[in-house]
Amino acid sequence: MSDRDRQRDRDRDRDRERDRDRNRERRRDRDIRDRERDRERDRERTRSKRSRTPERTRSRHTRSSTRSPDRERRHRHRTPSAEPPRKRHRHESEEREKDRQKAVSDFVDEIAKEQQQKKGNIDNENENGVAGEEDEMEMMKNLGIPVGFDSTKGKHVPGADVSGVRAVTKRQPRQYMNRRGGFNRPLPAERNR
């Protein structure tokens, strides 16, 4: 064996040893990172559990945080709280909507009261009640409530002919291949059904 071969073997052995050391360090670093990530995840779990559980049950949950993560995953039961559920803050839009609905209902109630008063006055004057119905119909028209219900089937409705819809008709397919007379012939005219 020549000096050159020995030197090459030594270099190769040195490189292998260096690679093993690097791999060992990488594995160790990866294991350390994984452990730290698991610890942080466990800390987050216990923090979130503490914020969700009442004071009297907190000690039991802190004991369970020392368990292994696998066992903790299996035994995740929420105990019902003795405290009443927390009230959530309403969004401003919900409050505005409720205020608007209340205003509308008050307005409708006022109109109904006025109608009843007018109806009572008219009933006293007119015993047949025809004028009261006319007044009621007039009030409904003023509010924009539809008075009569009828179908527009077969009737012309002004302004209904304006549309942005393009009616698409079904196209009749044309045969490109295996036509009588061969391929070098003009295609038949395109037809729509």
N, C-alpha and C. Protein backbone atom coordinates (compact mmCIF):
# COMPACT_ATOMS: atom_id res chain seq x y z
N MET A 1 0.84 -1.16 0.00
CA MET A 1 0.00 0.00 0.00
C MET A 1 0.90 1.23 0.00
N SER A 2 0.59 2.11 -0.85
CA SER A 2 1.45 3.28 -1.01
C SER A 2 1.05 4.38 -0.02
N ASP A 3 1.90 5.37 0.10
CA ASP A 3 1.63 6.50 0.97
C ASP A 3 0.38 7.26 0.52
N ARG A 4 0.25 7.31 -0.77
CA ARG A 4 -0.90 8.04 -1.31
C ARG A 4 -2.22 7.35 -0.90
N ASP A 5 -2.25 6.01 -0.95
CA ASP A 5 -3.45 5.27 -0.56
C ASP A 5 -3.74 5.45 0.94
N ARG A 6 -2.68 5.40 1.76
CA ARG A 6 -2.87 5.60 3.19
C ARG A 6 -3.43 6.99 3.51
N GLN A 7 -2.86 7.97 2.83
CA GLN A 7 -3.33 9.35 3.05
C GLN A 7 -4.81 9.48 2.64
N ARG A 8 -5.16 8.86 1.52
CA ARG A 8 -6.55 8.92 1.06
C ARG A 8 -7.46 8.24 2.07
N ASP A 9 -7.08 7.09 2.61
CA ASP A 9 -7.88 6.39 3.62
C ASP A 9 -8.04 7.23 4.88
N ARG A 10 -6.94 7.88 5.32
CA ARG A 10 -7.03 8.74 6.49
C ARG A 10 -7.99 9.91 6.27
N ASP A 11 -7.89 10.52 5.09
CA ASP A 11 -8.79 11.64 4.76
C ASP A 11 -10.24 11.18 4.74
N ARG A 12 -10.45 10.03 4.15
CA ARG A 12 -11.81 9.49 4.08
C ARG A 12 -12.36 9.21 5.48
N ASP A 13 -11.54 8.60 6.34
CA ASP A 13 -11.96 8.32 7.71
C ASP A 13 -12.25 9.62 8.47
N ARG A 14 -11.41 10.60 8.29
CA ARG A 14 -11.60 11.89 8.95
C ARG A 14 -12.91 12.53 8.48
N ASP A 15 -13.20 12.48 7.19
CA ASP A 15 -14.45 13.05 6.66
C ASP A 15 -15.67 12.31 7.20
N ARG A 16 -15.56 10.99 7.29
CA ARG A 16 -16.68 10.21 7.83
C ARG A 16 -16.95 10.58 9.28
N GLU A 17 -15.88 10.70 10.05
CA GLU A 17 -16.01 11.05 11.46
C GLU A 17 -16.64 12.45 11.60
N ARG A 18 -16.18 13.38 10.79
CA ARG A 18 -16.73 14.73 10.81
C ARG A 18 -18.21 14.72 10.45
N ASP A 19 -18.62 13.93 9.45
CA ASP A 19 -20.04 13.82 9.07
C ASP A 19 -20.87 13.22 10.20
N ARG A 20 -20.33 12.19 10.86
CA ARG A 20 -21.05 11.60 11.98
C ARG A 20 -21.27 12.62 13.10
N ASP A 21 -20.22 13.38 13.40
CA ASP A 21 -20.34 14.40 14.44
C ASP A 21 -21.39 15.44 14.06
N ARG A 22 -21.37 15.89 12.82
CA ARG A 22 -22.37 16.88 12.37
C ARG A 22 -23.78 16.32 12.49
N ASN A 23 -23.98 15.09 12.04
CA ASN A 23 -25.31 14.48 12.12
C ASN A 23 -25.77 14.35 13.57
N ARG A 24 -24.83 13.95 14.45
CA ARG A 24 -25.15 13.82 15.85
C ARG A 24 -25.57 15.17 16.43
N GLU A 25 -24.86 16.24 16.09
CA GLU A 25 -25.20 17.58 16.57
C GLU A 25 -26.56 18.03 16.02
N ARG A 26 -26.81 17.76 14.76
CA ARG A 26 -28.10 18.14 14.17
C ARG A 26 -29.25 17.43 14.89
N ARG A 27 -29.10 16.11 15.10
CA ARG A 27 -30.14 15.36 15.80
C ARG A 27 -30.37 15.92 17.20
N ARG A 28 -29.28 16.21 17.90
CA ARG A 28 -29.39 16.75 19.25
C ARG A 28 -30.11 18.10 19.23
N ASP A 29 -29.73 18.99 18.30
CA ASP A 29 -30.39 20.29 18.18
C ASP A 29 -31.87 20.13 17.85
N ARG A 30 -32.18 19.21 16.95
CA ARG A 30 -33.57 18.99 16.58
C ARG A 30 -34.37 18.48 17.77
N ASP A 31 -33.78 17.54 18.53
CA ASP A 31 -34.47 17.03 19.72
C ASP A 31 -34.71 18.14 20.74
N ILE A 32 -33.72 19.00 20.93
CA ILE A 32 -33.87 20.10 21.88
C ILE A 32 -34.99 21.03 21.43
N ARG A 33 -35.00 21.36 20.14
CA ARG A 33 -36.08 22.23 19.62
C ARG A 33 -37.45 21.60 19.80
N ASP A 34 -37.54 20.29 19.52
CA ASP A 34 -38.83 19.59 19.68
C ASP A 34 -39.29 19.62 21.13
N ARG A 35 -38.36 19.36 22.05
CA ARG A 35 -38.72 19.40 23.47
C ARG A 35 -39.19 20.79 23.88
N GLU A 36 -38.47 21.82 23.43
CA GLU A 36 -38.87 23.19 23.78
C GLU A 36 -40.24 23.52 23.20
N ARG A 37 -40.50 23.09 21.98
CA ARG A 37 -41.80 23.35 21.36
C ARG A 37 -42.90 22.63 22.14
N ASP A 38 -42.65 21.37 22.55
CA ASP A 38 -43.64 20.63 23.35
C ASP A 38 -43.89 21.32 24.70
N ARG A 39 -42.82 21.78 25.33
CA ARG A 39 -42.98 22.48 26.62
C ARG A 39 -43.81 23.74 26.45
N GLU A 40 -43.51 24.49 25.39
CA GLU A 40 -44.27 25.73 25.15
C GLU A 40 -45.73 25.42 24.87
N ARG A 41 -45.99 24.38 24.12
CA ARG A 41 -47.37 23.97 23.84
C ARG A 41 -48.09 23.59 25.12
N ASP A 42 -47.40 22.85 26.00
CA ASP A 42 -48.00 22.48 27.29
C ASP A 42 -48.27 23.72 28.14
N ARG A 43 -47.33 24.68 28.13
CA ARG A 43 -47.55 25.91 28.88
C ARG A 43 -48.77 26.66 28.36
N GLU A 44 -48.90 26.72 27.05
CA GLU A 44 -50.05 27.40 26.45
C GLU A 44 -51.35 26.72 26.86
N ARG A 45 -51.34 25.40 26.84
CA ARG A 45 -52.55 24.65 27.24
C ARG A 45 -52.93 24.96 28.68
N THR A 46 -51.93 24.94 29.57
CA THR A 46 -52.26 25.18 30.97
C THR A 46 -52.71 26.62 31.17
N ARG A 47 -52.11 27.58 30.42
CA ARG A 47 -52.55 28.97 30.52
C ARG A 47 -54.00 29.11 30.08
N SER A 48 -54.33 28.48 28.95
CA SER A 48 -55.70 28.60 28.44
C SER A 48 -56.68 27.89 29.37
N LYS A 49 -56.25 26.77 29.96
CA LYS A 49 -57.13 26.08 30.91
C LYS A 49 -57.36 26.94 32.14
N ARG A 50 -56.30 27.58 32.64
CA ARG A 50 -56.45 28.41 33.82
C ARG A 50 -57.39 29.57 33.55
N SER A 51 -57.32 30.14 32.38
CA SER A 51 -58.18 31.28 32.08
C SER A 51 -59.62 30.84 31.91
N ARG A 52 -59.86 29.56 31.55
CA ARG A 52 -61.23 29.09 31.34
C ARG A 52 -61.86 28.50 32.58
N THR A 53 -61.07 28.00 33.54
CA THR A 53 -61.62 27.28 34.68
C THR A 53 -61.77 28.21 35.86
N PRO A 54 -62.78 27.99 36.71
CA PRO A 54 -62.93 28.80 37.92
C PRO A 54 -61.84 28.47 38.93
N GLU A 55 -61.72 29.31 39.95
CA GLU A 55 -60.65 29.19 40.94
C GLU A 55 -60.66 27.87 41.69
N ARG A 56 -61.84 27.36 42.04
CA ARG A 56 -61.89 26.16 42.88
C ARG A 56 -61.45 24.90 42.14
N THR A 57 -61.57 24.87 40.82
CA THR A 57 -61.15 23.69 40.07
C THR A 57 -59.76 23.86 39.48
N ARG A 58 -59.12 24.98 39.70
CA ARG A 58 -57.84 25.25 39.08
C ARG A 58 -56.75 24.31 39.59
N SER A 59 -56.77 23.95 40.87
CA SER A 59 -55.71 23.11 41.42
C SER A 59 -55.68 21.74 40.76
N ARG A 60 -56.84 21.19 40.44
CA ARG A 60 -56.88 19.89 39.79
C ARG A 60 -56.27 19.96 38.39
N HIS A 61 -56.53 21.07 37.68
CA HIS A 61 -56.00 21.22 36.34
C HIS A 61 -54.51 21.45 36.33
N THR A 62 -53.99 22.11 37.34
CA THR A 62 -52.55 22.32 37.37
C THR A 62 -51.83 21.02 37.64
N ARG A 63 -52.46 20.13 38.42
CA ARG A 63 -51.86 18.82 38.64
C ARG A 63 -51.81 18.03 37.34
N SER A 64 -52.86 18.14 36.52
CA SER A 64 -52.90 17.35 35.29
C SER A 64 -51.91 17.86 34.26
N SER A 65 -51.41 19.09 34.44
CA SER A 65 -50.47 19.61 33.46
C SER A 65 -49.12 18.90 33.57
N THR A 66 -48.86 18.18 34.68
CA THR A 66 -47.61 17.45 34.79
C THR A 66 -47.67 16.11 34.09
N ARG A 67 -48.85 15.72 33.65
CA ARG A 67 -48.97 14.45 32.93
C ARG A 67 -48.31 14.55 31.57
N SER A 68 -48.15 13.40 30.94
CA SER A 68 -47.58 13.41 29.60
C SER A 68 -48.59 13.98 28.62
N PRO A 69 -48.15 14.55 27.52
CA PRO A 69 -49.08 15.17 26.57
C PRO A 69 -50.06 14.15 25.99
N ASP A 70 -49.63 12.89 25.77
CA ASP A 70 -50.54 11.87 25.23
C ASP A 70 -51.68 11.60 26.20
N ARG A 71 -51.35 11.45 27.45
CA ARG A 71 -52.38 11.15 28.44
C ARG A 71 -53.32 12.34 28.62
N GLU A 72 -52.74 13.54 28.54
CA GLU A 72 -53.56 14.75 28.68
C GLU A 72 -54.55 14.87 27.53
N ARG A 73 -54.14 14.50 26.33
CA ARG A 73 -55.04 14.57 25.18
C ARG A 73 -56.21 13.62 25.35
N ARG A 74 -55.94 12.45 25.93
CA ARG A 74 -57.01 11.46 26.09
C ARG A 74 -58.04 11.89 27.12
N HIS A 75 -57.61 12.60 28.17
CA HIS A 75 -58.50 12.96 29.27
C HIS A 75 -58.81 14.45 29.27
N ARG A 76 -59.38 14.93 28.22
CA ARG A 76 -59.71 16.34 28.14
C ARG A 76 -61.22 16.50 28.31
N HIS A 77 -61.66 16.66 29.56
CA HIS A 77 -63.09 16.83 29.84
C HIS A 77 -63.29 18.20 30.45
N ARG A 78 -64.30 18.89 29.98
CA ARG A 78 -64.61 20.19 30.58
C ARG A 78 -65.63 20.00 31.67
N THR A 79 -65.33 20.54 32.82
CA THR A 79 -66.28 20.45 33.93
C THR A 79 -67.20 21.64 33.85
N PRO A 80 -68.50 21.43 34.10
CA PRO A 80 -69.42 22.57 34.06
C PRO A 80 -69.08 23.57 35.15
N SER A 81 -69.15 24.82 34.81
CA SER A 81 -68.78 25.88 35.73
C SER A 81 -69.95 26.21 36.64
N ALA A 82 -69.64 26.56 37.88
CA ALA A 82 -70.69 26.96 38.82
C ALA A 82 -71.10 28.40 38.57
N GLU A 83 -70.26 29.16 37.88
CA GLU A 83 -70.56 30.56 37.61
C GLU A 83 -71.52 30.65 36.42
N PRO A 84 -72.34 31.70 36.39
CA PRO A 84 -73.20 31.88 35.21
C PRO A 84 -72.35 32.22 33.99
N PRO A 85 -72.81 31.89 32.80
CA PRO A 85 -72.00 32.19 31.61
C PRO A 85 -71.80 33.69 31.46
N ARG A 86 -70.64 34.06 30.93
CA ARG A 86 -70.33 35.47 30.77
C ARG A 86 -71.18 36.08 29.67
N LYS A 87 -71.56 37.32 29.90
CA LYS A 87 -72.32 38.02 28.85
C LYS A 87 -71.33 38.53 27.83
N ARG A 88 -71.65 38.28 26.58
CA ARG A 88 -70.78 38.77 25.53
C ARG A 88 -71.21 40.18 25.15
N HIS A 89 -70.24 40.96 24.77
CA HIS A 89 -70.53 42.32 24.36
C HIS A 89 -71.20 42.31 23.00
N ARG A 90 -72.29 43.05 22.90
CA ARG A 90 -72.98 43.14 21.62
C ARG A 90 -72.22 44.09 20.72
N HIS A 91 -72.31 43.80 19.48
CA HIS A 91 -71.72 44.72 18.51
C HIS A 91 -72.64 45.92 18.36
N GLU A 92 -72.06 47.01 17.98
CA GLU A 92 -72.85 48.23 17.83
C GLU A 92 -73.90 48.06 16.75
N SER A 93 -73.59 47.30 15.73
CA SER A 93 -74.56 47.13 14.65
C SER A 93 -75.81 46.39 15.15
N GLU A 94 -75.63 45.42 16.05
CA GLU A 94 -76.78 44.72 16.59
C GLU A 94 -77.64 45.67 17.42
N GLU A 95 -76.98 46.53 18.20
CA GLU A 95 -77.73 47.49 19.00
C GLU A 95 -78.49 48.47 18.11
N ARG A 96 -77.83 48.93 17.05
CA ARG A 96 -78.49 49.84 16.12
C ARG A 96 -79.70 49.16 15.49
N GLU A 97 -79.52 47.90 15.11
CA GLU A 97 -80.62 47.16 14.48
C GLU A 97 -81.80 47.03 15.44
N LYS A 98 -81.52 46.74 16.71
CA LYS A 98 -82.60 46.63 17.69
C LYS A 98 -83.30 47.97 17.89
N ASP A 99 -82.50 49.06 17.94
CA ASP A 99 -83.10 50.39 18.08
C ASP A 99 -83.99 50.71 16.89
N ARG A 100 -83.51 50.36 15.70
CA ARG A 100 -84.29 50.63 14.50
C ARG A 100 -85.59 49.83 14.51
N GLN A 101 -85.49 48.55 14.89
CA GLN A 101 -86.69 47.73 14.95
C GLN A 101 -87.69 48.27 15.98
N LYS A 102 -87.16 48.75 17.10
CA LYS A 102 -88.05 49.31 18.12
C LYS A 102 -88.75 50.57 17.60
N ALA A 103 -87.99 51.43 16.90
CA ALA A 103 -88.58 52.65 16.35
C ALA A 103 -89.66 52.31 15.33
N VAL A 104 -89.40 51.31 14.49
CA VAL A 104 -90.39 50.91 13.48
C VAL A 104 -91.64 50.36 14.16
N SER A 105 -91.45 49.51 15.17
CA SER A 105 -92.62 48.93 15.85
C SER A 105 -93.41 50.01 16.58
N ASP A 106 -92.73 51.01 17.18
CA ASP A 106 -93.45 52.12 17.82
C ASP A 106 -94.25 52.91 16.80
N PHE A 107 -93.64 53.15 15.64
CA PHE A 107 -94.32 53.89 14.58
C PHE A 107 -95.57 53.15 14.11
N VAL A 108 -95.44 51.85 13.92
CA VAL A 108 -96.58 51.04 13.47
C VAL A 108 -97.67 51.02 14.55
N ASP A 109 -97.27 50.94 15.81
CA ASP A 109 -98.25 50.95 16.90
C ASP A 109 -99.03 52.28 16.93
N GLU A 110 -98.31 53.39 16.73
CA GLU A 110 -98.98 54.69 16.69
C GLU A 110 -99.99 54.75 15.56
N ILE A 111 -99.62 54.26 14.40
CA ILE A 111 -100.52 54.27 13.25
C ILE A 111 -101.74 53.41 13.54
N ALA A 112 -101.53 52.25 14.16
CA ALA A 112 -102.65 51.37 14.47
C ALA A 112 -103.61 52.06 15.46
N LYS A 113 -103.04 52.76 16.46
CA LYS A 113 -103.90 53.46 17.42
C LYS A 113 -104.71 54.56 16.72
N GLU A 114 -104.03 55.31 15.83
CA GLU A 114 -104.73 56.35 15.09
C GLU A 114 -105.86 55.76 14.25
N GLN A 115 -105.57 54.64 13.62
CA GLN A 115 -106.61 54.00 12.80
C GLN A 115 -107.79 53.56 13.66
N GLN A 116 -107.51 53.01 14.82
CA GLN A 116 -108.60 52.58 15.70
C GLN A 116 -109.42 53.78 16.17
N GLN A 117 -108.75 54.87 16.48
CA GLN A 117 -109.48 56.07 16.90
C GLN A 117 -110.35 56.60 15.77
N LYS A 118 -109.76 56.68 14.56
CA LYS A 118 -110.54 57.16 13.42
C LYS A 118 -111.69 56.21 13.12
N LYS A 119 -111.40 54.92 13.20
CA LYS A 119 -112.44 53.93 12.93
C LYS A 119 -113.57 54.07 13.96
N GLY A 120 -113.21 54.29 15.22
CA GLY A 120 -114.23 54.48 16.25
C GLY A 120 -115.06 55.72 15.98
N ASN A 121 -114.42 56.83 15.55
CA ASN A 121 -115.14 58.05 15.23
C ASN A 121 -116.05 57.86 14.02
N ILE A 122 -115.52 57.20 13.00
CA ILE A 122 -116.30 57.00 11.77
C ILE A 122 -117.44 56.02 12.01
N ASP A 123 -117.19 54.99 12.83
CA ASP A 123 -118.25 54.02 13.14
C ASP A 123 -119.41 54.72 13.86
N ASN A 124 -119.07 55.66 14.72
CA ASN A 124 -120.12 56.40 15.40
C ASN A 124 -120.93 57.22 14.40
N GLU A 125 -120.24 57.82 13.41
CA GLU A 125 -120.92 58.64 12.43
C GLU A 125 -121.64 57.79 11.38
N ASN A 126 -120.93 56.83 10.84
CA ASN A 126 -121.51 55.96 9.80
C ASN A 126 -121.69 54.56 10.37
N GLU A 127 -122.87 54.12 10.45
CA GLU A 127 -123.13 52.81 11.02
C GLU A 127 -122.79 51.68 10.06
N ASN A 128 -122.82 51.96 8.76
CA ASN A 128 -122.53 50.88 7.81
C ASN A 128 -121.05 50.56 7.71
N GLY A 129 -120.12 51.42 8.06
CA GLY A 129 -118.69 51.13 8.13
C GLY A 129 -117.98 51.17 6.80
N VAL A 130 -118.62 51.57 5.72
CA VAL A 130 -117.97 51.62 4.41
C VAL A 130 -116.89 52.68 4.39
N ALA A 131 -117.13 53.82 4.99
CA ALA A 131 -116.15 54.90 5.01
C ALA A 131 -114.89 54.48 5.77
N GLY A 132 -115.06 53.67 6.81
CA GLY A 132 -113.91 53.21 7.59
C GLY A 132 -112.99 52.33 6.76
N GLU A 133 -113.55 51.47 5.94
CA GLU A 133 -112.73 50.61 5.08
C GLU A 133 -111.98 51.44 4.05
N GLU A 134 -112.66 52.46 3.49
CA GLU A 134 -112.01 53.32 2.50
C GLU A 134 -110.85 54.08 3.15
N ASP A 135 -111.07 54.55 4.37
CA ASP A 135 -110.03 55.27 5.07
C ASP A 135 -108.84 54.35 5.37
N GLU A 136 -109.17 53.13 5.72
CA GLU A 136 -108.14 52.13 5.99
C GLU A 136 -107.31 51.86 4.74
N MET A 137 -108.01 51.72 3.61
CA MET A 137 -107.32 51.45 2.34
C MET A 137 -106.43 52.64 1.98
N GLU A 138 -106.92 53.84 2.21
CA GLU A 138 -106.15 55.04 1.90
C GLU A 138 -104.89 55.10 2.76
N MET A 139 -105.04 54.75 4.04
CA MET A 139 -103.89 54.74 4.96
C MET A 139 -102.86 53.70 4.51
N MET A 140 -103.33 52.53 4.10
CA MET A 140 -102.40 51.48 3.64
C MET A 140 -101.67 51.92 2.38
N LYS A 141 -102.37 52.60 1.48
CA LYS A 141 -101.72 53.11 0.26
C LYS A 141 -100.65 54.12 0.62
N ASN A 142 -100.93 55.00 1.58
CA ASN A 142 -99.96 56.01 1.99
C ASN A 142 -98.70 55.38 2.59
N LEU A 143 -98.88 54.27 3.31
CA LEU A 143 -97.73 53.59 3.92
C LEU A 143 -96.97 52.73 2.92
N GLY A 144 -97.55 52.52 1.75
CA GLY A 144 -96.88 51.70 0.74
C GLY A 144 -97.19 50.24 0.88
N ILE A 145 -98.21 49.91 1.65
CA ILE A 145 -98.62 48.51 1.80
C ILE A 145 -99.52 48.16 0.62
N PRO A 146 -99.25 47.03 -0.05
CA PRO A 146 -100.10 46.68 -1.18
C PRO A 146 -101.54 46.45 -0.73
N VAL A 147 -102.47 47.00 -1.50
CA VAL A 147 -103.88 46.95 -1.11
C VAL A 147 -104.58 45.78 -1.76
N GLY A 148 -104.35 45.60 -3.04
CA GLY A 148 -105.00 44.49 -3.74
C GLY A 148 -103.96 43.50 -4.21
N PHE A 149 -104.32 42.26 -4.22
CA PHE A 149 -103.39 41.23 -4.68
C PHE A 149 -103.96 40.62 -5.94
N ASP A 150 -103.21 40.73 -7.01
CA ASP A 150 -103.68 40.23 -8.29
C ASP A 150 -102.48 39.70 -9.06
N SER A 151 -102.74 38.83 -10.01
CA SER A 151 -101.69 38.26 -10.83
C SER A 151 -101.48 39.11 -12.06
N THR A 152 -100.24 39.20 -12.54
CA THR A 152 -99.95 39.94 -13.76
C THR A 152 -99.81 39.00 -14.94
N LYS A 153 -100.25 37.76 -14.79
CA LYS A 153 -100.11 36.78 -15.86
C LYS A 153 -100.93 37.21 -17.07
N GLY A 154 -100.27 37.32 -18.22
CA GLY A 154 -100.95 37.70 -19.45
C GLY A 154 -101.22 39.18 -19.57
N LYS A 155 -100.77 39.98 -18.61
CA LYS A 155 -101.01 41.42 -18.64
C LYS A 155 -99.70 42.15 -18.95
N HIS A 156 -99.80 43.30 -19.57
CA HIS A 156 -98.62 44.11 -19.85
C HIS A 156 -98.25 44.89 -18.59
N VAL A 157 -97.00 44.78 -18.20
CA VAL A 157 -96.50 45.52 -17.03
C VAL A 157 -95.50 46.54 -17.55
N PRO A 158 -95.78 47.83 -17.37
CA PRO A 158 -94.85 48.84 -17.89
C PRO A 158 -93.50 48.77 -17.18
N GLY A 159 -92.43 48.86 -17.97
CA GLY A 159 -91.08 48.84 -17.42
C GLY A 159 -90.53 47.45 -17.20
N ALA A 160 -91.31 46.41 -17.49
CA ALA A 160 -90.83 45.05 -17.26
C ALA A 160 -90.05 44.51 -18.45
N ASP A 161 -90.09 45.24 -19.58
CA ASP A 161 -89.39 44.76 -20.77
C ASP A 161 -87.92 45.16 -20.78
N VAL A 162 -87.47 45.96 -19.80
CA VAL A 162 -86.08 46.37 -19.72
C VAL A 162 -85.32 45.30 -18.95
N SER A 163 -84.25 44.79 -19.56
CA SER A 163 -83.51 43.72 -18.90
C SER A 163 -82.09 43.69 -19.43
N GLY A 164 -81.20 43.18 -18.62
CA GLY A 164 -79.81 43.02 -19.05
C GLY A 164 -79.50 41.56 -19.33
N VAL A 165 -80.52 40.73 -19.38
CA VAL A 165 -80.30 39.30 -19.56
C VAL A 165 -80.29 38.98 -21.05
N ARG A 166 -79.29 38.22 -21.48
CA ARG A 166 -79.24 37.78 -22.86
C ARG A 166 -79.75 36.35 -22.91
N ALA A 167 -80.83 36.15 -23.61
CA ALA A 167 -81.40 34.82 -23.70
C ALA A 167 -80.50 33.95 -24.57
N VAL A 168 -80.03 32.84 -24.03
CA VAL A 168 -79.15 31.94 -24.77
C VAL A 168 -79.99 30.77 -25.26
N THR A 169 -79.96 30.58 -26.56
CA THR A 169 -80.72 29.47 -27.13
C THR A 169 -79.83 28.25 -27.20
N LYS A 170 -80.43 27.10 -27.19
CA LYS A 170 -79.66 25.86 -27.27
C LYS A 170 -79.15 25.67 -28.68
N ARG A 171 -77.88 25.39 -28.81
CA ARG A 171 -77.28 25.25 -30.14
C ARG A 171 -77.42 23.82 -30.63
N GLN A 172 -77.68 23.71 -31.91
CA GLN A 172 -77.75 22.40 -32.56
C GLN A 172 -76.32 21.98 -32.90
N PRO A 173 -75.89 20.80 -32.47
CA PRO A 173 -74.52 20.40 -32.76
C PRO A 173 -74.31 20.08 -34.25
N ARG A 174 -73.05 20.30 -34.68
CA ARG A 174 -72.71 19.97 -36.07
C ARG A 174 -71.68 18.86 -36.07
N GLN A 175 -71.76 17.99 -37.06
CA GLN A 175 -70.85 16.85 -37.11
C GLN A 175 -69.62 17.22 -37.93
N TYR A 176 -68.45 17.07 -37.30
CA TYR A 176 -67.20 17.40 -37.97
C TYR A 176 -66.57 16.16 -38.59
N MET A 177 -66.65 15.03 -37.89
CA MET A 177 -65.96 13.83 -38.36
C MET A 177 -66.97 12.85 -38.94
N ASN A 178 -66.44 11.99 -39.79
CA ASN A 178 -67.21 10.89 -40.39
C ASN A 178 -68.48 11.39 -41.08
N ARG A 179 -68.32 12.46 -41.87
CA ARG A 179 -69.48 12.97 -42.60
C ARG A 179 -69.57 12.30 -43.96
N ARG A 180 -70.78 12.20 -44.44
CA ARG A 180 -70.96 11.67 -45.79
C ARG A 180 -70.37 12.65 -46.78
N GLY A 181 -69.61 12.16 -47.71
CA GLY A 181 -69.00 13.04 -48.71
C GLY A 181 -67.60 13.49 -48.33
N GLY A 182 -67.10 13.11 -47.13
CA GLY A 182 -65.73 13.41 -46.74
C GLY A 182 -65.59 14.69 -45.93
N PHE A 183 -64.30 14.98 -45.54
CA PHE A 183 -64.03 16.13 -44.67
C PHE A 183 -63.98 17.45 -45.43
N ASN A 184 -63.53 17.42 -46.68
CA ASN A 184 -63.35 18.66 -47.43
C ASN A 184 -64.67 19.12 -48.03
N ARG A 185 -65.59 19.36 -47.20
CA ARG A 185 -66.91 19.81 -47.61
C ARG A 185 -67.33 20.85 -46.58
N PRO A 186 -68.04 21.90 -46.98
CA PRO A 186 -68.43 22.90 -45.98
C PRO A 186 -69.34 22.29 -44.92
N LEU A 187 -69.20 22.81 -43.71
CA LEU A 187 -70.05 22.34 -42.60
C LEU A 187 -71.48 22.80 -42.83
N PRO A 188 -72.44 22.04 -42.29
CA PRO A 188 -73.82 22.50 -42.42
C PRO A 188 -74.01 23.81 -41.65
N ALA A 189 -75.05 24.57 -41.98
CA ALA A 189 -75.30 25.86 -41.34
C ALA A 189 -75.59 25.64 -39.86
N GLU A 190 -75.18 26.63 -39.04
CA GLU A 190 -75.41 26.54 -37.60
C GLU A 190 -76.84 26.88 -37.30
N ARG A 191 -77.51 26.00 -36.55
CA ARG A 191 -78.93 26.21 -36.23
C ARG A 191 -79.10 26.30 -34.72
N ASN A 192 -80.02 27.13 -34.29
CA ASN A 192 -80.36 27.24 -32.87
C ASN A 192 -81.78 26.77 -32.68
N ARG A 193 -82.02 26.09 -31.62
CA ARG A 193 -83.38 25.64 -31.33
C ARG A 193 -84.15 26.71 -30.62
